[in-house]
């Protein structure tokens, strides 16, 4: 949709899965929204390179697992309701990496709160999956069309391609430079790049990911994860991804072939002999220090440090925030799981003033960051 020249209620910067979900959620709540990205296409970064699996987290019942599975249930229903053609509910099989990992799986059973089945090696083989270890099959899980889903969301809200250089306050509105667009609220969903305001306390870091889409006739009817993700065969295409390279020079790290190791691992689990490369996707996805996503207000770090120098010595004064500036970020490798719920919570906070869930509130990281900064 084309933008109008009016002042907006909210401008969302960043058209990855987090930004697209927030823009859509705010518009559904009656706001006049504009979505901005420096690229002309949705999901041009880490979201586009994601495996985009929507599946539960397994483990020993940690707080992160509980939150992830709450988000999984919400995301699954959200995609089925609004974008059913872009969410393939193939079911997802989680397979241990090795024998040691398999022993841990036995303890995970009692914490699997979503519908699942235990799959032994014979059952896996019946699906064309080679593994000596048993795994978990989640029949309600599935895989999204990462780029297609973000693009579909972007069709429902006004969009502008622009590189935002700065934000300036003008009475009650924020003004975006150099375009001069105005909005009462700004949501930053910019991924690992956060250069507009000081947000170092959130600890947002980038992890490089790659995914290969392959033409294949392999009758793989389920999706699976074993160190890497291999999707079901969807209309003749199987997706293999995604790598986790923590490097500032990822292209040098993979020596120009980001799929070499991925394909080798995939070949150990499924028959890849007729795989023919269709397309390669690469991008940087963002995560937080504690792996929980980030949704909420942004602390005015400069003002806090100037007014309260004892912050670095352990003081905990009342927090001050940048007015009407919000963040939705740090969704990491589970962006397509977390983003719909984070968008719901953030939109409810902006429009209805409903408090943000403490588990995702970025405030949780600020005082710890101050202490660490003091020790440097």
Protein backbone atom coordinates (compact mmCIF):
# COMPACT_ATOMS: atom_id res chain seq x y z
CA UNK A 1 0.00 0.00 0.00
CA UNK A 2 1.20 3.51 -0.70
CA UNK A 3 1.83 5.89 2.17
CA UNK A 4 -0.07 9.12 2.66
CA UNK A 5 1.59 12.37 3.76
CA UNK A 6 -0.36 12.58 7.03
CA UNK A 7 1.05 12.46 10.55
CA UNK A 8 0.95 8.93 11.88
CA UNK A 9 0.05 7.51 15.25
CA UNK A 10 3.04 5.18 15.02
CA UNK A 11 5.92 4.66 12.63
CA UNK A 12 7.59 1.25 12.83
CA UNK A 13 11.19 1.13 11.61
CA UNK A 14 12.29 -2.26 10.34
CA UNK A 15 10.33 -4.68 8.13
CA UNK A 16 11.57 -8.00 9.45
CA UNK A 17 9.13 -10.35 11.14
CA UNK A 18 9.14 -8.32 14.39
CA UNK A 19 8.43 -4.99 12.69
CA UNK A 20 5.80 -6.43 10.36
CA UNK A 21 3.95 -8.06 13.27
CA UNK A 22 4.02 -4.85 15.34
CA UNK A 23 2.78 -2.69 12.45
CA UNK A 24 -0.06 -5.11 11.74
CA UNK A 25 -1.02 -5.40 15.43
CA UNK A 26 -1.15 -1.62 15.87
CA UNK A 27 -3.20 -1.17 12.73
CA UNK A 28 -5.67 -3.82 13.93
CA UNK A 29 -6.09 -1.71 17.08
CA UNK A 30 -7.14 1.26 14.97
CA UNK A 31 -3.88 3.17 14.71
CA UNK A 32 -2.65 4.97 11.62
CA UNK A 33 0.66 3.18 11.01
CA UNK A 34 3.59 3.52 8.63
CA UNK A 35 6.19 0.77 8.21
CA UNK A 36 9.66 1.87 7.07
CA UNK A 37 12.66 -0.16 5.95
CA UNK A 38 15.84 0.77 4.12
CA UNK A 39 15.18 -2.13 1.73
CA UNK A 40 12.34 -2.20 -0.76
CA UNK A 41 11.54 -5.79 0.21
CA UNK A 42 10.27 -7.28 3.46
CA UNK A 43 12.52 -9.60 5.45
CA UNK A 44 15.67 -8.59 3.57
CA UNK A 45 17.89 -9.39 6.59
CA UNK A 46 17.89 -12.10 9.22
CA UNK A 47 14.16 -12.82 8.95
CA UNK A 48 14.49 -13.76 5.30
CA UNK A 49 17.32 -16.19 6.05
CA UNK A 50 15.46 -17.88 8.91
CA UNK A 51 14.36 -21.48 8.84
CA UNK A 52 11.09 -19.97 10.14
CA UNK A 53 10.08 -23.04 12.11
CA UNK A 54 7.15 -22.56 14.49
CA UNK A 55 7.70 -25.27 17.06
CA UNK A 56 7.99 -25.68 20.85
CA UNK A 57 11.19 -25.37 22.86
CA UNK A 58 12.26 -28.53 24.64
CA UNK A 59 14.14 -28.62 27.92
CA UNK A 60 13.79 -28.85 31.68
CA UNK A 61 11.00 -26.33 32.16
CA UNK A 62 13.06 -23.12 32.35
CA UNK A 63 11.37 -19.73 32.34
CA UNK A 64 12.59 -19.22 28.78
CA UNK A 65 11.03 -22.52 27.73
CA UNK A 66 7.72 -21.56 29.32
CA UNK A 67 7.69 -18.18 27.53
CA UNK A 68 8.76 -19.72 24.21
CA UNK A 69 5.99 -22.30 24.33
CA UNK A 70 3.43 -19.65 25.27
CA UNK A 71 4.57 -17.67 22.23
CA UNK A 72 4.53 -20.83 20.09
CA UNK A 73 0.87 -21.52 20.90
CA UNK A 74 -0.07 -17.92 20.12
CA UNK A 75 1.98 -17.79 16.88
CA UNK A 76 0.60 -21.08 15.59
CA UNK A 77 -2.99 -19.90 16.02
CA UNK A 78 -2.17 -16.45 14.64
CA UNK A 79 -0.69 -17.82 11.41
CA UNK A 80 -3.48 -20.36 10.94
CA UNK A 81 -6.09 -17.61 11.35
CA UNK A 82 -4.56 -14.84 9.25
CA UNK A 83 -1.99 -16.44 6.91
CA UNK A 84 -2.85 -20.15 6.56
CA UNK A 85 -1.39 -20.39 3.05
CA UNK A 86 2.01 -19.26 4.34
CA UNK A 87 2.21 -21.58 7.34
CA UNK A 88 2.62 -25.27 6.51
CA UNK A 89 1.57 -27.31 9.54
CA UNK A 90 3.79 -30.21 8.56
CA UNK A 91 4.63 -31.24 12.10
CA UNK A 92 8.20 -30.94 13.38
CA UNK A 93 10.43 -33.73 14.66
CA UNK A 94 13.16 -32.78 17.15
CA UNK A 95 16.06 -35.27 17.03
CA UNK A 96 19.00 -35.43 19.48
CA UNK A 97 22.37 -34.35 18.09
CA UNK A 98 24.13 -37.44 19.48
CA UNK A 99 23.93 -40.16 22.15
CA UNK A 100 24.69 -37.74 24.99
CA UNK A 101 21.96 -35.41 23.80
CA UNK A 102 19.59 -38.37 23.56
CA UNK A 103 20.00 -39.07 27.26
CA UNK A 104 18.86 -35.53 28.01
CA UNK A 105 15.74 -36.01 25.87
CA UNK A 106 14.46 -38.66 28.28
CA UNK A 107 14.32 -36.03 31.05
CA UNK A 108 12.54 -33.54 28.78
CA UNK A 109 9.37 -35.63 28.41
CA UNK A 110 7.60 -34.29 31.49
CA UNK A 111 8.16 -30.69 30.36
CA UNK A 112 6.60 -31.14 26.91
CA UNK A 113 3.33 -29.30 27.55
CA UNK A 114 2.29 -29.25 23.88
CA UNK A 115 0.87 -32.20 21.99
CA UNK A 116 3.69 -34.60 21.03
CA UNK A 117 4.71 -38.20 20.42
CA UNK A 118 7.95 -40.08 21.03
CA UNK A 119 9.40 -41.27 17.71
CA UNK A 120 11.89 -44.13 17.57
CA UNK A 121 14.40 -44.77 14.78
CA UNK A 122 11.97 -47.04 12.91
CA UNK A 123 9.28 -44.37 12.88
CA UNK A 124 11.81 -41.80 11.72
CA UNK A 125 12.94 -44.14 8.95
CA UNK A 126 9.32 -44.43 7.76
CA UNK A 127 9.52 -40.69 7.03
CA UNK A 128 12.84 -41.04 5.21
CA UNK A 129 14.89 -39.74 8.16
CA UNK A 130 18.05 -41.58 9.18
CA UNK A 131 18.79 -41.46 12.92
CA UNK A 132 19.78 -43.98 15.54
CA UNK A 133 18.34 -41.76 18.27
CA UNK A 134 14.68 -41.34 19.18
CA UNK A 135 13.08 -37.92 19.06
CA UNK A 136 9.92 -35.90 19.71
CA UNK A 137 7.25 -35.33 17.08
CA UNK A 138 5.11 -32.20 17.47
CA UNK A 139 2.19 -32.63 15.04
CA UNK A 140 0.83 -29.07 15.38
CA UNK A 141 4.18 -27.40 14.62
CA UNK A 142 5.25 -26.31 11.16
CA UNK A 143 7.25 -23.99 8.97
CA UNK A 144 6.51 -20.52 7.56
CA UNK A 145 7.36 -19.05 4.21
CA UNK A 146 9.63 -16.44 5.82
CA UNK A 147 9.83 -13.90 3.01
CA UNK A 148 6.30 -14.51 1.79
CA UNK A 149 4.80 -14.07 5.25
CA UNK A 150 6.54 -10.75 5.91
CA UNK A 151 5.62 -9.54 2.42
CA UNK A 152 1.98 -10.49 3.00
CA UNK A 153 1.90 -8.54 6.26
CA UNK A 154 3.50 -5.57 4.54
CA UNK A 155 0.66 -5.53 2.02
CA UNK A 156 -1.78 -4.69 4.82
CA UNK A 157 -0.02 -1.55 6.11
CA UNK A 158 1.38 1.56 4.41
CA UNK A 159 5.07 1.07 3.60
CA UNK A 160 7.93 3.36 2.68
CA UNK A 161 11.46 2.49 1.62
CA UNK A 162 13.76 4.93 3.39
CA UNK A 163 17.01 5.04 5.33
CA UNK A 164 16.29 6.68 8.69
CA UNK A 165 19.26 8.83 9.65
CA UNK A 166 17.91 10.48 12.80
CA UNK A 167 14.85 11.11 14.94
CA UNK A 168 14.12 14.55 16.34
CA UNK A 169 11.42 15.64 18.81
CA UNK A 170 9.16 18.50 17.72
CA UNK A 171 6.59 19.37 20.43
CA UNK A 172 4.41 16.22 20.61
CA UNK A 173 5.71 14.43 17.52
CA UNK A 174 8.85 12.66 16.42
CA UNK A 175 10.19 13.77 13.05
CA UNK A 176 12.19 11.37 10.88
CA UNK A 177 15.23 12.76 9.07
CA UNK A 178 15.68 13.21 6.19
CA UNK A 179 12.07 12.51 5.09
CA UNK A 180 10.32 14.83 7.53
CA UNK A 181 7.65 12.25 8.36
CA UNK A 182 5.92 12.74 11.71
CA UNK A 183 4.47 10.37 14.31
CA UNK A 184 3.52 10.43 17.96
CA UNK A 185 5.14 7.03 18.55
CA UNK A 186 8.18 5.28 17.10
CA UNK A 187 8.86 1.56 17.32
CA UNK A 188 12.41 0.42 16.59
CA UNK A 189 12.46 -3.09 15.14
CA UNK A 190 15.83 -2.63 13.47
CA UNK A 191 17.45 -5.94 14.41
CA UNK A 192 21.11 -6.01 15.35
CA UNK A 193 21.72 -2.45 14.08
CA UNK A 194 20.70 0.19 16.64
CA UNK A 195 22.45 3.45 15.85
CA UNK A 196 19.69 5.99 16.46
CA UNK A 197 19.72 5.89 20.28
CA UNK A 198 21.99 4.47 22.99
CA UNK A 199 20.59 0.98 23.55
CA UNK A 200 23.75 -0.82 24.57
CA UNK A 201 22.22 -1.99 27.83
CA UNK A 202 19.95 -4.34 25.88
CA UNK A 203 22.98 -6.27 24.67
CA UNK A 204 21.58 -6.85 21.20
CA UNK A 205 24.01 -8.89 19.12
CA UNK A 206 23.92 -10.35 15.63
CA UNK A 207 24.27 -13.99 14.62
CA UNK A 208 24.78 -14.72 10.94
CA UNK A 209 22.47 -17.29 9.42
CA UNK A 210 22.25 -18.95 6.03
CA UNK A 211 19.55 -21.09 4.44
CA UNK A 212 19.41 -22.98 1.18
CA UNK A 213 16.20 -23.79 -0.68
CA UNK A 214 16.47 -26.89 -2.87
CA UNK A 215 14.31 -28.34 -5.60
CA UNK A 216 13.68 -32.00 -4.76
CA UNK A 217 11.24 -34.86 -5.35
CA UNK A 218 12.05 -36.41 -1.96
CA UNK A 219 8.67 -37.27 -0.33
CA UNK A 220 9.56 -35.66 3.01
CA UNK A 221 6.19 -34.92 4.60
CA UNK A 222 7.43 -33.67 7.98
CA UNK A 223 9.92 -31.00 9.02
CA UNK A 224 12.82 -31.89 11.30
CA UNK A 225 15.54 -30.35 13.41
CA UNK A 226 18.81 -32.06 14.30
CA UNK A 227 21.57 -29.44 14.75
CA UNK A 228 20.06 -27.84 11.67
CA UNK A 229 16.58 -27.53 10.20
CA UNK A 230 15.25 -29.45 7.21
CA UNK A 231 11.73 -28.56 6.17
CA UNK A 232 9.08 -30.81 4.69
CA UNK A 233 8.86 -30.87 0.90
CA UNK A 234 6.52 -27.98 0.16
CA UNK A 235 5.55 -27.70 -3.50
CA UNK A 236 8.78 -29.36 -4.60
CA UNK A 237 11.11 -27.31 -2.39
CA UNK A 238 12.96 -28.36 0.78
CA UNK A 239 14.58 -25.70 2.99
CA UNK A 240 17.86 -26.42 4.76
CA UNK A 241 19.18 -24.00 7.39
CA UNK A 242 20.26 -22.14 9.32
CA UNK A 243 23.88 -21.67 10.36
CA UNK A 244 24.86 -19.82 13.53
CA UNK A 245 28.05 -17.89 12.80
CA UNK A 246 29.08 -15.34 15.41
CA UNK A 247 31.60 -13.45 13.33
CA UNK A 248 31.97 -9.90 12.05
CA UNK A 249 33.16 -11.33 8.73
CA UNK A 250 30.79 -14.26 8.12
CA UNK A 251 31.48 -14.43 4.40
CA UNK A 252 35.18 -15.01 5.12
CA UNK A 253 34.26 -17.53 7.80
CA UNK A 254 32.34 -19.69 5.32
CA UNK A 255 34.87 -19.03 2.53
CA UNK A 256 32.17 -17.99 0.10
CA UNK A 257 30.11 -21.19 0.46
CA UNK A 258 27.63 -20.73 3.33
CA UNK A 259 25.79 -23.94 2.51
CA UNK A 260 28.69 -26.41 2.34
CA UNK A 261 28.54 -27.56 5.97
CA UNK A 262 24.76 -27.32 6.07
CA UNK A 263 24.33 -29.57 3.06
CA UNK A 264 26.81 -32.11 4.41
CA UNK A 265 24.92 -32.36 7.71
CA UNK A 266 21.58 -32.61 5.94
CA UNK A 267 22.92 -35.43 3.77
CA UNK A 268 23.65 -37.47 6.90
CA UNK A 269 19.96 -37.41 7.84
CA UNK A 270 17.92 -37.32 4.62
CA UNK A 271 18.54 -38.40 1.02
CA UNK A 272 19.84 -35.29 -0.73
CA UNK A 273 20.98 -36.93 -3.97
CA UNK A 274 18.41 -35.14 -6.14
CA UNK A 275 18.65 -31.79 -4.35
CA UNK A 276 19.19 -28.92 -6.76
CA UNK A 277 19.90 -25.49 -5.31
CA UNK A 278 17.12 -23.01 -5.98
CA UNK A 279 18.11 -20.02 -3.84
CA UNK A 280 20.45 -18.94 -1.02
CA UNK A 281 19.36 -16.66 1.83
CA UNK A 282 21.79 -15.02 4.26
CA UNK A 283 21.28 -12.46 6.99
CA UNK A 284 22.01 -11.33 10.53
CA UNK A 285 19.42 -12.06 13.19
CA UNK A 286 19.43 -10.31 16.53
CA UNK A 287 19.32 -11.73 20.03
CA UNK A 288 19.55 -10.37 23.56
CA UNK A 289 22.06 -11.22 26.29
CA UNK A 290 19.67 -13.50 28.16
CA UNK A 291 17.92 -14.90 25.05
CA UNK A 292 14.57 -13.40 26.06
CA UNK A 293 13.02 -11.06 23.48
CA UNK A 294 12.78 -7.31 24.05
CA UNK A 295 9.52 -5.39 23.91
CA UNK A 296 8.79 -2.12 25.68
CA UNK A 297 10.06 1.38 26.37
CA UNK A 298 13.64 2.59 25.86
CA UNK A 299 15.55 4.09 28.78
CA UNK A 300 17.08 7.54 28.23
CA UNK A 301 20.60 6.32 28.99
CA UNK A 302 22.34 9.66 28.47
CA UNK A 303 20.00 11.46 30.87
CA UNK A 304 20.24 8.70 33.47
CA UNK A 305 24.03 8.70 33.50
CA UNK A 306 24.20 12.48 33.58
CA UNK A 307 21.67 12.93 36.39
CA UNK A 308 22.66 9.87 38.41
CA UNK A 309 26.44 9.29 38.26
CA UNK A 310 26.12 6.83 41.15
CA UNK A 311 24.33 4.45 38.81
CA UNK A 312 27.68 2.92 37.97
CA UNK A 313 28.28 2.32 41.67
CA UNK A 314 25.09 0.38 42.23
CA UNK A 315 22.47 3.10 42.76
CA UNK A 316 18.98 2.33 41.44
CA UNK A 317 17.12 5.62 40.89
CA UNK A 318 13.77 5.80 39.15
CA UNK A 319 14.15 5.11 35.45
CA UNK A 320 13.62 7.81 32.83
CA UNK A 321 12.54 6.93 29.31
CA UNK A 322 12.67 8.38 25.85
CA UNK A 323 9.18 9.73 25.28
CA UNK A 324 7.00 7.53 23.05
CA UNK A 325 9.94 5.49 21.75
CA UNK A 326 9.59 1.71 21.90
CA UNK A 327 11.54 -1.37 20.90
CA UNK A 328 10.62 -4.80 19.57
CA UNK A 329 13.80 -6.78 19.06
CA UNK A 330 16.02 -9.63 20.21
CA UNK A 331 13.75 -12.40 18.94
CA UNK A 332 16.81 -14.39 17.85
CA UNK A 333 16.50 -17.70 16.05
CA UNK A 334 12.85 -18.00 17.09
CA UNK A 335 11.64 -14.81 15.45
CA UNK A 336 8.61 -16.43 13.85
CA UNK A 337 7.64 -17.91 17.21
CA UNK A 338 8.11 -14.82 19.39
CA UNK A 339 7.09 -11.93 17.12
CA UNK A 340 3.28 -12.27 17.02
CA UNK A 341 3.01 -12.37 20.83
CA UNK A 342 5.58 -9.58 21.32
CA UNK A 343 3.61 -7.46 18.86
CA UNK A 344 0.38 -8.14 20.73
CA UNK A 345 1.90 -7.16 24.08
CA UNK A 346 3.59 -4.04 22.70
CA UNK A 347 0.49 -2.85 20.86
CA UNK A 348 -1.57 -3.33 24.03
CA UNK A 349 0.96 -1.26 25.94
CA UNK A 350 1.07 1.57 23.39
CA UNK A 351 -2.69 1.77 22.80
CA UNK A 352 -4.29 0.40 25.97
CA UNK A 353 -1.51 1.18 28.49
CA UNK A 354 -1.45 -2.46 29.57
CA UNK A 355 1.83 -3.19 31.33
CA UNK A 356 4.50 -5.15 29.45
CA UNK A 357 5.25 -8.66 30.69
CA UNK A 358 8.36 -8.41 32.91
CA UNK A 359 9.96 -11.35 31.13
CA UNK A 360 10.42 -9.30 27.95
CA UNK A 361 10.67 -5.79 29.42
CA UNK A 362 14.13 -4.38 28.45
CA UNK A 363 14.37 -2.63 31.84
CA UNK A 364 15.52 -5.96 33.31
CA UNK A 365 18.96 -5.49 31.75
CA UNK A 366 19.76 -1.88 32.62
CA UNK A 367 21.19 -2.01 36.15
CA UNK A 368 23.26 -5.09 35.34
CA UNK A 369 24.69 -3.22 32.35
CA UNK A 370 25.57 -0.26 34.61
CA UNK A 371 27.46 -2.51 37.02
CA UNK A 372 29.36 -4.14 34.20
CA UNK A 373 30.16 -0.75 32.67
CA UNK A 374 31.59 0.38 36.01
CA UNK A 375 33.86 -2.68 36.22
CA UNK A 376 35.46 -2.04 32.85
